[in-house]
Amino acid sequence: MVRKGPKIGRNAPCPCGSGKKYKNCCGK
């Protein structure tokens, strides 16, 4: 399901630094 980058939980903080959860930010 993850196309690129390291595996990250959808509820984990987004690595882009937005402070949002990954699923609500870059995880779309």
Protein backbone atom coordinates (compact mmCIF):
# COMPACT_ATOMS: atom_id res chain seq x y z
CA MET A 1 0.00 0.00 0.00
CA VAL A 2 2.90 2.35 0.75
CA ARG A 3 4.36 3.50 -2.54
CA LYS A 4 7.50 5.23 -1.33
CA GLY A 5 9.46 6.07 1.78
CA PRO A 6 9.71 4.08 4.99
CA LYS A 7 6.70 2.29 6.37
CA ILE A 8 4.76 4.53 8.71
CA GLY A 9 1.54 4.08 10.64
CA ARG A 10 -1.42 6.05 9.39
CA ASN A 11 -1.91 7.45 12.88
CA ALA A 12 1.74 8.33 13.33
CA PRO A 13 2.84 11.97 13.10
CA CYS A 14 3.57 12.88 9.50
CA PRO A 15 7.32 13.00 8.73
CA CYS A 16 6.86 16.18 6.67
CA GLY A 17 6.72 18.16 9.90
CA SER A 18 3.16 19.47 9.61
CA GLY A 19 2.27 18.06 13.01
CA LYS A 20 -0.73 16.30 11.49
CA LYS A 21 -1.27 12.57 11.43
CA TYR A 22 0.16 10.86 8.37
CA LYS A 23 -3.24 9.68 7.14
CA ASN A 24 -4.52 13.27 7.22
CA CYS A 25 -1.46 14.74 5.55
CA CYS A 26 0.98 13.05 3.16
CA GLY A 27 -0.60 9.62 3.61
CA LYS A 28 -3.44 10.19 1.17
